[in-house]
Amino acid sequence: MRNTLGRSRHRLLALLATAALAMAGAIALPGTAQAANVLTNPGFESGSLSPWSCTGNLGSVVSSPVHGGSKALAGAASSSDTAQCTQTVAVQPNTAYSLSGWVRGSYVYLGVTGGNSTWTTSPSAYSQLTTSFTTGASQTSATIYVHGWYAQGTYYADDISLDGPGGGGGDTQAPTAPTGLTSTGKTSSSVSLSWGASTDNVGVTAYDIYSGANQVLSVSGTSGTVSGLAASTAYTFTVKARDAAGNTSAASNAVSVTTSAGTGGNTGFTQAAPYLYEGWGDPPSPSTVMSATGIKWFTMAFVLDSGGCTPAWDGSRALTGGVDQTAINQIRAAGGDIVPSFGGWQGSKLGANCSSASALAGALQKVISAYGLKAIDMDIENTDEFENEAVQAKILTALKTVKANNPGLRTIVTFGTSTTGPTYYGNRLIEQAQSLNAGIDVFTIMPFDFGGGSDMYGNTVAAAEGLKTKLKSTFGWDDATAYSHIGISGMNGLSDQSETTTPAIWTQIRDWSNAHHIARLAFWSVNRDRGCAGGGVVSNCSGISQNTWQFTSITAGFTG
């Protein structure tokens, strides 16, 4: 929070948007004599969607705006559905295909299931998307898709072309429907299924398992296990058979299965880490604070962009070799460690200024590598990050990337809250983290600057309980698992809006946090952890009567 305090906490969080897929491959295009558009109704000139199929019944054929002809596809993407429209066609194995289409809208994607995709944002005019792929050694069908993005409004698509040789060899007879679909086992995250074999005039090559309208798995035999499911959640499955020509059977009988409850297992990560800021507020010696309080972790603020997507402390101090590294060396010499915080309220932020998720991941990696980090925190605030959909997705995608590239790294996102839990934008953040499979370890709320209110303990607990409820519904976790992914980052003494958190109240919050085994407890900031009753909201003291380092001592008693 950074106005008079250096880090003001904005209450609204942004929608999440856009995550582009890009799967590489050097592809030789088929010969010109073979090239032909194998899609049916590619320009929607029939006036109907068939044989395209759109999720949520959100697709329609419109007369304007169009790219060519008199019709186009409109996909009404909602806050919970990207309005994906697909068509499955017969293709030949080991063959190169070129996919293109004209699209218009905010964040529109074109691709092939299980293969390459491309995207663009062109809200006011049609632009062409093009990608290529080569079929597998035994692949006889391909599913082409086009979709928008969550809460980005209606997109349009027209003149979609899949150029290459058609498949099928004249076989147009579909297999019979699989029979006797049943569940043979389940866990909190998977369901095992089996069914009776289908018959076909030539031969069945694959069985496609569907969860509702979504294909989730393809297998060659008559059994399969669908994984990556949420705990304590009901799913309905069907199976369709497919032959070498891409002919697909009718669906099997449906079977409904509710996954087992989660184990309640903790993430294994707990962190008492108040903020320490070397660029402001008479920064204290960390070794002195550690000796006086027993604290081991600090959240170091803030890593910003010094230009060109280059990380620097406060956007101006060198990443290594300065006062920040000196403080980190002291902390580690005393047996502690740090988690850097990227972002905050103001300044030039990496999330907003790096050109892509991969560029942002590269900037984060520089800090991770410089200090051999175990955890990083993205403090996402203000209009440039929370209220910018592309930046939101960029941050989550970058965190997913560095987590994959640094085994054991913990990722934290920190954001504002209402007194009853995440705001609309906070809910979208959590939903998008789930959608992108970002693997966020800790969702930390900042329960202050509510706009008034004297019950800071009650408001903090209510906000945390609201977060728990949202995590449960989004990820399918039980209470214990949801709590183990929660962090609380408070503000000691007076907040920007003159709310008062006393040492006694902070002790209550700490004790509640321990009783519910949450993952993280922090506050803003150690610089302010000195008494100055009547001193107001300033950088180097709390504005209330307290002992020096009293909030840090209380926080050191957090055990998760």
Protein backbone atom coordinates (compact mmCIF):
# COMPACT_ATOMS: atom_id res chain seq x y z
CA MET A 1 0.00 0.00 0.00
CA ARG A 2 1.80 2.98 -1.11
CA ASN A 3 0.51 6.48 -0.86
CA THR A 4 1.42 8.04 2.50
CA LEU A 5 2.19 4.53 3.66
CA GLY A 6 3.91 3.41 0.51
CA ARG A 7 1.42 0.64 -0.22
CA SER A 8 -2.24 1.58 -0.26
CA ARG A 9 -4.57 -1.37 -0.70
CA HIS A 10 -7.09 -1.12 -3.50
CA ARG A 11 -10.29 -2.98 -2.82
CA LEU A 12 -11.31 -3.95 -6.33
CA LEU A 13 -9.68 -6.75 -8.25
CA ALA A 14 -9.73 -7.19 -11.97
CA LEU A 15 -11.33 -9.73 -14.23
CA LEU A 16 -9.03 -12.31 -15.60
CA ALA A 17 -8.53 -12.79 -19.19
CA THR A 18 -6.56 -14.39 -21.94
CA ALA A 19 -4.17 -17.26 -21.80
CA ALA A 20 -2.74 -18.03 -25.23
CA LEU A 21 -1.67 -21.55 -26.09
CA ALA A 22 1.37 -22.05 -28.32
CA MET A 23 2.60 -25.52 -29.05
CA ALA A 24 5.60 -25.64 -31.31
CA GLY A 25 6.22 -27.85 -34.31
CA ALA A 26 8.00 -27.60 -37.63
CA ILE A 27 5.38 -28.55 -40.19
CA ALA A 28 5.62 -29.33 -43.89
CA LEU A 29 2.47 -28.27 -45.67
CA PRO A 30 0.72 -30.74 -47.97
CA GLY A 31 1.11 -30.41 -51.71
CA THR A 32 -1.12 -27.98 -53.53
CA ALA A 33 -2.99 -30.74 -55.35
CA GLN A 34 -4.04 -32.19 -52.00
CA ALA A 35 -5.06 -28.93 -50.34
CA ALA A 36 -8.80 -28.45 -49.84
CA ASN A 37 -10.98 -27.08 -47.07
CA VAL A 38 -12.26 -30.18 -45.30
CA LEU A 39 -14.55 -28.25 -42.94
CA THR A 40 -18.29 -28.24 -43.54
CA ASN A 41 -20.17 -24.93 -43.36
CA PRO A 42 -16.91 -22.99 -42.90
CA GLY A 43 -18.51 -19.59 -43.50
CA PHE A 44 -21.84 -20.38 -41.80
CA GLU A 45 -23.58 -19.54 -45.07
CA SER A 46 -26.14 -22.30 -44.48
CA GLY A 47 -27.71 -20.05 -41.88
CA SER A 48 -27.32 -22.72 -39.18
CA LEU A 49 -24.49 -23.87 -36.93
CA SER A 50 -24.54 -27.52 -38.02
CA PRO A 51 -22.19 -29.36 -37.89
CA TRP A 52 -20.55 -26.91 -35.49
CA SER A 53 -21.35 -27.40 -31.79
CA CYS A 54 -21.07 -24.57 -29.25
CA THR A 55 -20.81 -24.82 -25.46
CA GLY A 56 -23.62 -23.43 -23.36
CA ASN A 57 -25.80 -22.91 -26.46
CA LEU A 58 -23.92 -19.61 -26.77
CA GLY A 59 -23.25 -19.79 -30.52
CA SER A 60 -25.50 -18.31 -33.22
CA VAL A 61 -25.37 -17.35 -36.89
CA VAL A 62 -25.59 -13.62 -37.60
CA SER A 63 -25.81 -11.40 -40.68
CA SER A 64 -23.51 -8.69 -39.33
CA PRO A 65 -20.63 -8.17 -38.91
CA VAL A 66 -19.33 -10.62 -41.50
CA HIS A 67 -15.98 -11.08 -43.21
CA GLY A 68 -17.19 -12.73 -46.40
CA GLY A 69 -20.55 -13.79 -47.75
CA SER A 70 -23.66 -12.94 -45.77
CA LYS A 71 -23.28 -14.91 -42.53
CA ALA A 72 -20.84 -15.33 -39.62
CA LEU A 73 -20.64 -17.06 -36.25
CA ALA A 74 -21.32 -15.08 -33.06
CA GLY A 75 -20.15 -16.58 -29.76
CA ALA A 76 -21.58 -14.89 -26.67
CA ALA A 77 -18.77 -15.52 -24.16
CA SER A 78 -19.95 -15.11 -20.58
CA SER A 79 -18.23 -14.78 -17.21
CA SER A 80 -18.23 -18.58 -16.91
CA ASP A 81 -18.12 -19.85 -20.52
CA THR A 82 -15.83 -19.02 -23.45
CA ALA A 83 -18.54 -19.99 -25.99
CA GLN A 84 -16.28 -22.54 -27.65
CA CYS A 85 -17.57 -23.83 -31.00
CA THR A 86 -16.09 -27.02 -32.46
CA GLN A 87 -16.27 -29.22 -35.54
CA THR A 88 -14.75 -32.70 -35.80
CA VAL A 89 -13.58 -33.85 -39.23
CA ALA A 90 -11.91 -36.92 -40.71
CA VAL A 91 -8.21 -36.48 -41.46
CA GLN A 92 -5.36 -38.66 -42.65
CA PRO A 93 -2.54 -39.84 -40.35
CA ASN A 94 0.97 -38.34 -40.62
CA THR A 95 -0.35 -35.47 -42.69
CA ALA A 96 0.18 -31.70 -42.50
CA TYR A 97 -2.81 -29.37 -42.26
CA SER A 98 -3.12 -25.59 -42.28
CA LEU A 99 -5.86 -23.94 -40.21
CA SER A 100 -6.97 -20.34 -40.70
CA GLY A 101 -9.97 -18.17 -39.95
CA TRP A 102 -11.14 -14.58 -39.67
CA VAL A 103 -12.12 -13.40 -36.19
CA ARG A 104 -13.21 -10.26 -34.42
CA GLY A 105 -13.50 -9.51 -30.68
CA SER A 106 -11.53 -9.28 -27.45
CA TYR A 107 -9.27 -12.33 -27.18
CA VAL A 108 -10.42 -14.83 -29.80
CA TYR A 109 -8.74 -18.22 -30.15
CA LEU A 110 -8.50 -20.68 -33.07
CA GLY A 111 -6.93 -24.10 -32.78
CA VAL A 112 -7.13 -27.87 -32.88
CA THR A 113 -7.84 -29.92 -29.76
CA GLY A 114 -4.62 -31.41 -28.44
CA GLY A 115 -2.51 -29.39 -30.88
CA ASN A 116 -1.58 -25.90 -31.95
CA SER A 117 -3.64 -22.77 -31.39
CA THR A 118 -3.33 -19.06 -31.97
CA TRP A 119 -5.18 -15.97 -30.75
CA THR A 120 -5.63 -12.28 -31.26
CA THR A 121 -7.50 -9.30 -29.87
CA SER A 122 -9.23 -7.30 -32.62
CA PRO A 123 -12.33 -5.75 -31.11
CA SER A 124 -13.30 -3.47 -34.00
CA ALA A 125 -12.29 -5.30 -37.19
CA TYR A 126 -11.77 -8.82 -38.52
CA SER A 127 -8.23 -10.16 -38.50
CA GLN A 128 -6.90 -13.47 -39.78
CA LEU A 129 -5.54 -16.21 -37.54
CA THR A 130 -3.36 -18.97 -38.99
CA THR A 131 -1.69 -22.03 -37.51
CA SER A 132 -0.58 -25.48 -38.67
CA PHE A 133 -0.36 -28.99 -37.30
CA THR A 134 0.60 -32.49 -38.36
CA THR A 135 -1.61 -35.44 -37.46
CA GLY A 136 -0.30 -38.36 -35.48
CA ALA A 137 0.66 -41.74 -36.84
CA SER A 138 -2.78 -43.23 -36.21
CA GLN A 139 -4.89 -40.07 -36.03
CA THR A 140 -8.01 -40.17 -38.19
CA SER A 141 -9.99 -37.20 -36.84
CA ALA A 142 -9.33 -33.68 -35.64
CA THR A 143 -11.50 -31.29 -33.66
CA ILE A 144 -11.22 -27.66 -34.71
CA TYR A 145 -12.31 -24.98 -32.25
CA VAL A 146 -12.83 -21.26 -31.99
CA HIS A 147 -13.70 -19.47 -28.77
CA GLY A 148 -13.62 -16.15 -26.93
CA TRP A 149 -12.61 -15.49 -23.35
CA TYR A 150 -14.37 -15.13 -20.02
CA ALA A 151 -16.42 -11.93 -19.62
CA GLN A 152 -14.98 -10.43 -22.80
CA GLY A 153 -18.30 -10.25 -24.63
CA THR A 154 -19.37 -11.58 -28.01
CA TYR A 155 -16.77 -12.61 -30.56
CA TYR A 156 -17.29 -13.27 -34.28
CA ALA A 157 -15.71 -15.84 -36.61
CA ASP A 158 -16.04 -16.36 -40.34
CA ASP A 159 -14.47 -18.18 -43.28
CA ILE A 160 -12.68 -20.83 -41.25
CA SER A 161 -10.54 -23.15 -43.37
CA LEU A 162 -8.74 -26.42 -42.65
CA ASP A 163 -6.63 -27.09 -45.73
CA GLY A 164 -5.36 -30.59 -46.40
CA PRO A 165 -6.54 -33.98 -47.63
CA GLY A 166 -9.82 -35.29 -46.31
CA GLY A 167 -9.96 -38.60 -44.50
CA GLY A 168 -12.38 -41.45 -44.47
CA GLY A 169 -11.77 -43.29 -47.75
CA GLY A 170 -15.50 -43.47 -48.39
CA ASP A 171 -16.46 -44.99 -45.02
CA THR A 172 -19.51 -43.13 -43.71
CA GLN A 173 -20.93 -45.73 -41.32
CA ALA A 174 -20.67 -44.86 -37.63
CA PRO A 175 -19.96 -47.46 -34.94
CA THR A 176 -22.70 -48.65 -32.63
CA ALA A 177 -23.02 -46.89 -29.29
CA PRO A 178 -21.02 -48.29 -26.34
CA THR A 179 -23.19 -50.11 -23.80
CA GLY A 180 -23.25 -50.68 -20.06
CA LEU A 181 -21.17 -47.67 -19.01
CA THR A 182 -20.43 -47.96 -15.30
CA SER A 183 -18.05 -46.56 -12.70
CA THR A 184 -15.50 -49.04 -11.38
CA GLY A 185 -13.85 -46.79 -8.82
CA LYS A 186 -13.27 -43.22 -7.69
CA THR A 187 -10.99 -41.03 -5.58
CA SER A 188 -11.22 -37.38 -4.60
CA SER A 189 -9.74 -36.40 -7.98
CA SER A 190 -10.51 -39.25 -10.42
CA VAL A 191 -13.22 -41.58 -11.69
CA SER A 192 -12.59 -44.95 -13.36
CA LEU A 193 -15.06 -46.12 -16.01
CA SER A 194 -15.69 -49.22 -18.13
CA TRP A 195 -18.18 -50.07 -20.90
CA GLY A 196 -19.11 -52.66 -23.47
CA ALA A 197 -17.36 -52.62 -26.86
CA SER A 198 -18.94 -51.05 -29.93
CA THR A 199 -18.99 -52.64 -33.38
CA ASP A 200 -18.19 -51.07 -36.74
CA ASN A 201 -18.14 -52.14 -40.38
CA VAL A 202 -14.40 -51.43 -40.55
CA GLY A 203 -13.27 -51.18 -36.94
CA VAL A 204 -13.40 -48.99 -33.83
CA THR A 205 -10.17 -47.05 -33.29
CA ALA A 206 -10.98 -44.99 -30.18
CA TYR A 207 -13.48 -44.25 -27.46
CA ASP A 208 -14.06 -40.62 -26.42
CA ILE A 209 -15.16 -39.99 -22.83
CA TYR A 210 -17.31 -36.93 -22.21
CA SER A 211 -18.08 -35.06 -19.00
CA GLY A 212 -21.28 -33.31 -19.92
CA ALA A 213 -20.60 -31.75 -23.34
CA ASN A 214 -16.82 -31.69 -22.91
CA GLN A 215 -14.55 -34.45 -24.22
CA VAL A 216 -12.12 -35.20 -21.40
CA LEU A 217 -10.28 -38.36 -22.48
CA SER A 218 -9.74 -40.65 -25.48
CA VAL A 219 -8.66 -44.29 -25.07
CA SER A 220 -8.26 -47.27 -27.37
CA GLY A 221 -9.78 -49.87 -25.01
CA THR A 222 -13.06 -50.22 -23.13
CA SER A 223 -11.98 -48.61 -19.86
CA GLY A 224 -10.39 -45.35 -18.74
CA THR A 225 -9.73 -43.15 -15.74
CA VAL A 226 -10.63 -39.47 -15.84
CA SER A 227 -8.32 -37.51 -13.53
CA GLY A 228 -7.90 -33.88 -12.45
CA LEU A 229 -11.39 -33.71 -10.95
CA ALA A 230 -12.57 -31.71 -7.94
CA ALA A 231 -13.31 -33.44 -4.65
CA SER A 232 -16.91 -33.97 -3.48
CA THR A 233 -18.24 -32.99 -6.90
CA ALA A 234 -20.88 -34.67 -9.09
CA TYR A 235 -19.95 -35.49 -12.70
CA THR A 236 -21.98 -37.10 -15.48
CA PHE A 237 -20.09 -39.17 -18.06
CA THR A 238 -20.91 -40.68 -21.45
CA VAL A 239 -18.76 -42.47 -24.03
CA LYS A 240 -18.78 -42.39 -27.84
CA ALA A 241 -16.98 -44.78 -30.22
CA ARG A 242 -15.00 -43.50 -33.19
CA ASP A 243 -13.68 -45.27 -36.31
CA ALA A 244 -10.69 -44.59 -38.54
CA ALA A 245 -12.75 -42.38 -40.84
CA GLY A 246 -13.76 -40.14 -37.97
CA ASN A 247 -17.34 -41.44 -37.83
CA THR A 248 -18.65 -41.12 -34.27
CA SER A 249 -21.32 -43.21 -32.60
CA ALA A 250 -24.25 -42.09 -30.55
CA ALA A 251 -23.52 -41.63 -26.86
CA SER A 252 -23.64 -44.49 -24.39
CA ASN A 253 -25.88 -44.46 -21.37
CA ALA A 254 -24.97 -41.73 -18.89
CA VAL A 255 -23.49 -42.48 -15.48
CA SER A 256 -23.29 -39.94 -12.63
CA VAL A 257 -20.51 -40.16 -10.06
CA THR A 258 -19.65 -37.94 -7.10
CA THR A 259 -15.94 -37.87 -6.31
CA SER A 260 -14.75 -38.66 -2.81
CA ALA A 261 -14.16 -35.96 -0.23
CA GLY A 262 -10.73 -34.34 -0.16
CA THR A 263 -8.20 -35.58 2.31
CA GLY A 264 -7.89 -32.17 3.93
CA GLY A 265 -4.17 -32.36 3.47
CA ASN A 266 -2.22 -29.20 4.17
CA THR A 267 -0.08 -27.68 1.47
CA GLY A 268 2.88 -28.26 3.78
CA PHE A 269 3.69 -24.55 3.59
CA THR A 270 3.29 -22.08 6.44
CA GLN A 271 4.84 -18.67 6.64
CA ALA A 272 4.85 -15.88 9.24
CA ALA A 273 6.33 -13.11 7.12
CA PRO A 274 5.66 -9.43 7.90
CA TYR A 275 6.62 -6.87 5.25
CA LEU A 276 10.01 -5.17 5.39
CA TYR A 277 10.69 -2.27 3.03
CA GLU A 278 14.26 -1.08 2.52
CA GLY A 279 13.27 1.99 0.50
CA TRP A 280 11.08 3.78 3.03
CA GLY A 281 10.11 4.29 6.65
CA ASP A 282 13.45 4.17 8.51
CA PRO A 283 14.05 0.48 7.73
CA PRO A 284 15.26 -1.36 10.83
CA SER A 285 18.09 -3.87 11.01
CA PRO A 286 16.42 -7.22 10.27
CA SER A 287 18.86 -9.10 12.47
CA THR A 288 17.92 -6.83 15.39
CA VAL A 289 14.21 -7.51 14.78
CA MET A 290 14.80 -11.25 14.48
CA SER A 291 16.79 -11.35 17.72
CA ALA A 292 14.10 -9.41 19.58
CA THR A 293 11.06 -11.27 18.26
CA GLY A 294 11.98 -14.73 16.96
CA ILE A 295 10.59 -13.98 13.50
CA LYS A 296 12.24 -15.98 10.70
CA TRP A 297 10.60 -14.86 7.43
CA PHE A 298 10.14 -11.41 5.94
CA THR A 299 8.17 -10.33 2.90
CA MET A 300 10.53 -7.96 1.09
CA ALA A 301 8.84 -5.07 -0.73
CA PHE A 302 8.76 -4.29 -3.64
CA VAL A 303 10.19 -5.66 -6.88
CA LEU A 304 9.17 -3.38 -9.77
CA ASP A 305 10.15 -2.75 -13.38
CA SER A 306 13.20 -0.57 -13.97
CA GLY A 307 12.42 -0.49 -17.70
CA GLY A 308 12.26 -3.10 -20.42
CA CYS A 309 10.71 -5.76 -18.14
CA THR A 310 13.80 -5.68 -15.91
CA PRO A 311 13.28 -6.35 -12.19
CA ALA A 312 14.73 -4.01 -9.58
CA TRP A 313 13.98 -3.25 -5.97
CA ASP A 314 11.52 -0.37 -5.97
CA GLY A 315 12.17 -0.07 -9.70
CA SER A 316 15.43 1.77 -9.03
CA ARG A 317 17.75 -0.21 -6.74
CA ALA A 318 19.88 -2.95 -8.30
CA LEU A 319 18.54 -6.45 -7.91
CA THR A 320 21.77 -7.54 -6.22
CA GLY A 321 24.59 -5.79 -4.44
CA GLY A 322 22.60 -3.07 -2.65
CA VAL A 323 20.83 -2.52 0.65
CA ASP A 324 18.18 -5.13 -0.18
CA GLN A 325 20.75 -7.87 -0.66
CA THR A 326 22.50 -6.75 2.53
CA ALA A 327 19.23 -7.18 4.43
CA ILE A 328 18.60 -10.57 2.83
CA ASN A 329 22.11 -11.71 3.73
CA GLN A 330 21.52 -10.66 7.36
CA ILE A 331 18.22 -12.52 7.48
CA ARG A 332 19.69 -15.71 6.08
CA ALA A 333 22.77 -15.48 8.30
CA ALA A 334 20.38 -15.41 11.28
CA GLY A 335 18.61 -18.57 10.07
CA GLY A 336 15.70 -16.90 8.28
CA ASP A 337 14.57 -16.33 4.72
CA ILE A 338 12.57 -13.96 2.55
CA VAL A 339 9.77 -13.92 0.01
CA PRO A 340 9.92 -10.96 -2.40
CA SER A 341 6.71 -9.10 -3.15
CA PHE A 342 6.20 -8.04 -6.77
CA GLY A 343 3.89 -5.11 -7.40
CA GLY A 344 2.04 -3.18 -4.73
CA TRP A 345 -0.07 -0.08 -5.11
CA GLN A 346 2.08 2.18 -7.27
CA GLY A 347 5.16 2.34 -9.45
CA SER A 348 6.01 0.68 -12.75
CA LYS A 349 4.99 -2.94 -12.30
CA LEU A 350 6.38 -5.95 -14.11
CA GLY A 351 2.93 -7.48 -14.50
CA ALA A 352 1.67 -4.44 -16.36
CA ASN A 353 4.82 -3.67 -18.36
CA CYS A 354 6.24 -7.02 -19.45
CA SER A 355 4.92 -7.70 -22.94
CA SER A 356 3.82 -11.30 -22.42
CA ALA A 357 3.43 -14.02 -19.82
CA SER A 358 6.69 -15.59 -20.97
CA ALA A 359 8.51 -12.25 -20.64
CA LEU A 360 7.05 -11.78 -17.16
CA ALA A 361 8.07 -15.32 -16.21
CA GLY A 362 11.58 -14.48 -17.38
CA ALA A 363 11.68 -11.39 -15.15
CA LEU A 364 10.43 -13.38 -12.15
CA GLN A 365 13.03 -16.04 -12.88
CA LYS A 366 15.82 -13.47 -12.64
CA VAL A 367 14.82 -12.75 -9.04
CA ILE A 368 14.27 -16.42 -8.22
CA SER A 369 17.69 -17.32 -9.58
CA ALA A 370 19.44 -14.34 -7.95
CA TYR A 371 18.36 -15.40 -4.48
CA GLY A 372 17.53 -19.12 -4.75
CA LEU A 373 13.99 -18.40 -3.62
CA LYS A 374 11.56 -20.81 -2.03
CA ALA A 375 8.49 -18.58 -2.56
CA ILE A 376 7.33 -15.44 -4.37
CA ASP A 377 4.39 -13.12 -3.74
CA MET A 378 2.46 -11.19 -6.40
CA ASP A 379 0.81 -8.22 -4.69
CA ILE A 380 -1.78 -7.33 -7.32
CA GLU A 381 -3.42 -3.93 -6.89
CA ASN A 382 -4.77 -0.88 -8.69
CA THR A 383 -6.17 -0.37 -12.18
CA ASP A 384 -3.01 -1.31 -14.07
CA GLU A 385 -3.12 -4.91 -12.84
CA PHE A 386 -6.42 -5.87 -11.16
CA GLU A 387 -8.56 -3.89 -13.53
CA ASN A 388 -6.74 -5.00 -16.68
CA GLU A 389 -7.96 -8.41 -17.85
CA ALA A 390 -4.93 -9.21 -19.98
CA VAL A 391 -2.51 -8.39 -17.16
CA GLN A 392 -4.42 -10.62 -14.75
CA ALA A 393 -4.05 -13.64 -17.00
CA LYS A 394 -0.45 -12.72 -17.78
CA ILE A 395 0.42 -12.81 -14.07
CA LEU A 396 -1.29 -16.14 -13.41
CA THR A 397 0.24 -17.74 -16.50
CA ALA A 398 3.70 -16.47 -15.55
CA LEU A 399 3.32 -17.88 -12.03
CA LYS A 400 2.31 -21.23 -13.50
CA THR A 401 5.43 -21.14 -15.69
CA VAL A 402 7.94 -20.37 -12.94
CA LYS A 403 6.32 -22.91 -10.64
CA ALA A 404 6.80 -25.57 -13.31
CA ASN A 405 10.40 -24.49 -13.93
CA ASN A 406 11.38 -24.34 -10.24
CA PRO A 407 10.27 -27.52 -8.43
CA GLY A 408 9.23 -26.76 -4.88
CA LEU A 409 8.67 -23.04 -5.47
CA ARG A 410 5.57 -21.71 -3.67
CA THR A 411 3.45 -19.04 -5.35
CA ILE A 412 1.35 -16.50 -3.48
CA VAL A 413 -1.15 -13.93 -4.74
CA THR A 414 -2.16 -11.04 -2.48
CA PHE A 415 -5.25 -8.94 -3.07
CA GLY A 416 -7.92 -6.86 -1.36
CA THR A 417 -11.21 -8.05 0.09
CA SER A 418 -14.58 -6.98 1.41
CA THR A 419 -15.67 -7.67 4.98
CA THR A 420 -17.48 -10.81 3.82
CA GLY A 421 -14.86 -12.25 1.49
CA PRO A 422 -13.58 -11.68 -2.03
CA THR A 423 -15.28 -9.06 -4.16
CA TYR A 424 -16.58 -9.86 -7.63
CA TYR A 425 -13.08 -9.29 -8.96
CA GLY A 426 -11.54 -11.44 -6.26
CA ASN A 427 -13.91 -14.24 -7.17
CA ARG A 428 -12.88 -13.92 -10.81
CA LEU A 429 -9.22 -14.10 -9.82
CA ILE A 430 -9.81 -17.37 -7.98
CA GLU A 431 -11.94 -18.82 -10.77
CA GLN A 432 -9.33 -17.92 -13.36
CA ALA A 433 -6.53 -19.47 -11.29
CA GLN A 434 -8.55 -22.68 -11.31
CA SER A 435 -9.33 -22.43 -15.03
CA LEU A 436 -5.67 -21.91 -15.94
CA ASN A 437 -4.55 -24.62 -13.51
CA ALA A 438 -2.09 -22.04 -12.19
CA GLY A 439 -1.32 -24.02 -9.04
CA ILE A 440 -1.39 -21.02 -6.68
CA ASP A 441 -0.34 -22.15 -3.20
CA VAL A 442 -1.70 -19.29 -1.12
CA PHE A 443 -4.48 -16.77 -1.73
CA THR A 444 -3.70 -13.92 0.67
CA ILE A 445 -6.34 -11.30 1.45
CA MET A 446 -5.68 -7.82 2.85
CA PRO A 447 -8.51 -7.33 5.38
CA PHE A 448 -8.40 -3.58 5.99
CA ASP A 449 -9.30 -0.30 4.31
CA PHE A 450 -12.89 -1.51 4.39
CA GLY A 451 -14.17 2.06 4.47
CA GLY A 452 -14.67 2.21 8.22
CA GLY A 453 -15.76 -0.21 10.91
CA SER A 454 -14.40 -0.83 14.37
CA ASP A 455 -14.48 -4.63 14.59
CA MET A 456 -11.23 -5.47 12.85
CA TYR A 457 -11.10 -8.97 14.34
CA GLY A 458 -14.67 -9.79 13.32
CA ASN A 459 -14.23 -8.29 9.86
CA THR A 460 -10.97 -10.15 9.30
CA VAL A 461 -12.45 -13.49 10.30
CA ALA A 462 -15.56 -12.92 8.18
CA ALA A 463 -13.40 -12.02 5.17
CA ALA A 464 -11.26 -15.14 5.65
CA GLU A 465 -14.32 -17.35 6.00
CA GLY A 466 -15.72 -15.86 2.81
CA LEU A 467 -12.46 -16.69 1.05
CA LYS A 468 -12.61 -20.25 2.39
CA THR A 469 -16.12 -20.68 1.03
CA LYS A 470 -15.05 -19.45 -2.40
CA LEU A 471 -12.02 -21.73 -2.50
CA LYS A 472 -14.18 -24.71 -1.57
CA SER A 473 -16.74 -24.06 -4.28
CA THR A 474 -14.14 -23.31 -6.96
CA PHE A 475 -11.62 -26.08 -6.31
CA GLY A 476 -13.84 -28.69 -4.66
CA TRP A 477 -11.78 -28.63 -1.46
CA ASP A 478 -12.98 -29.48 2.01
CA ASP A 479 -12.68 -26.96 4.87
CA ALA A 480 -9.23 -28.05 6.01
CA THR A 481 -7.75 -27.94 2.50
CA ALA A 482 -9.27 -24.54 1.79
CA TYR A 483 -7.91 -23.06 5.03
CA SER A 484 -4.46 -24.42 4.17
CA HIS A 485 -4.44 -22.23 1.03
CA ILE A 486 -5.43 -19.00 2.82
CA GLY A 487 -3.20 -16.11 3.85
CA ILE A 488 -3.99 -12.98 5.86
CA SER A 489 -1.99 -9.77 5.44
CA GLY A 490 -3.18 -7.15 7.90
CA MET A 491 -2.13 -3.63 8.79
CA ASN A 492 -0.80 -2.89 12.24
CA GLY A 493 -2.10 0.14 14.11
CA LEU A 494 -3.94 2.68 12.00
CA SER A 495 -4.93 1.88 8.42
CA ASP A 496 -5.24 4.45 5.63
CA GLN A 497 -8.91 4.73 6.59
CA SER A 498 -8.13 5.05 10.31
CA GLU A 499 -9.28 1.56 11.23
CA THR A 500 -7.41 0.42 14.34
CA THR A 501 -5.79 -2.97 14.82
CA THR A 502 -4.29 -3.11 18.30
CA PRO A 503 -1.78 -5.72 19.53
CA ALA A 504 -4.65 -7.42 21.36
CA ILE A 505 -6.73 -7.64 18.17
CA TRP A 506 -3.74 -8.88 16.17
CA THR A 507 -3.21 -11.57 18.81
CA GLN A 508 -6.83 -12.67 18.33
CA ILE A 509 -6.31 -12.82 14.57
CA ARG A 510 -3.10 -14.81 15.03
CA ASP A 511 -4.80 -17.26 17.37
CA TRP A 512 -7.72 -17.74 14.93
CA SER A 513 -5.21 -18.32 12.14
CA ASN A 514 -3.42 -20.98 14.17
CA ALA A 515 -6.68 -22.67 15.16
CA HIS A 516 -7.74 -22.92 11.51
CA HIS A 517 -4.28 -23.85 10.19
CA ILE A 518 -4.08 -21.25 7.46
CA ALA A 519 -0.90 -20.96 5.40
CA ARG A 520 0.37 -17.41 5.85
CA LEU A 521 0.24 -14.47 8.25
CA ALA A 522 1.75 -11.08 7.37
CA PHE A 523 1.21 -7.40 8.11
CA TRP A 524 2.22 -4.00 6.75
CA SER A 525 4.82 -3.43 8.06
CA VAL A 526 7.86 -4.01 10.29
CA ASN A 527 8.91 -0.43 9.45
CA ARG A 528 5.72 0.73 11.20
CA ASP A 529 6.02 -1.70 14.14
CA ARG A 530 6.93 1.07 16.59
CA GLY A 531 4.62 3.06 18.81
CA CYS A 532 3.61 6.67 18.24
CA ALA A 533 0.24 7.22 19.91
CA GLY A 534 -1.54 10.03 18.09
CA GLY A 535 1.11 9.98 15.38
CA GLY A 536 -1.35 9.33 12.58
CA VAL A 537 -0.79 7.21 9.50
CA VAL A 538 2.93 7.48 8.79
CA SER A 539 5.72 5.31 7.44
CA ASN A 540 7.84 4.57 10.50
CA CYS A 541 5.35 3.97 13.32
CA SER A 542 1.88 2.54 13.84
CA GLY A 543 -0.01 5.62 15.05
CA ILE A 544 -0.99 3.87 18.31
CA SER A 545 0.57 3.03 21.63
CA GLN A 546 2.57 -0.21 21.47
CA ASN A 547 5.90 -1.77 22.30
CA THR A 548 8.62 -1.75 19.66
CA TRP A 549 8.31 -4.81 17.37
CA GLN A 550 5.20 -5.95 19.27
CA PHE A 551 3.23 -6.96 16.15
CA THR A 552 6.24 -8.83 14.80
CA SER A 553 6.56 -10.75 18.09
CA ILE A 554 2.88 -11.71 17.90
CA THR A 555 3.26 -12.79 14.27
CA ALA A 556 6.26 -14.95 15.17
CA GLY A 557 3.84 -17.08 17.19
CA PHE A 558 1.98 -18.09 14.03
CA THR A 559 2.51 -21.79 13.40
CA GLY A 560 -0.16 -22.55 10.80
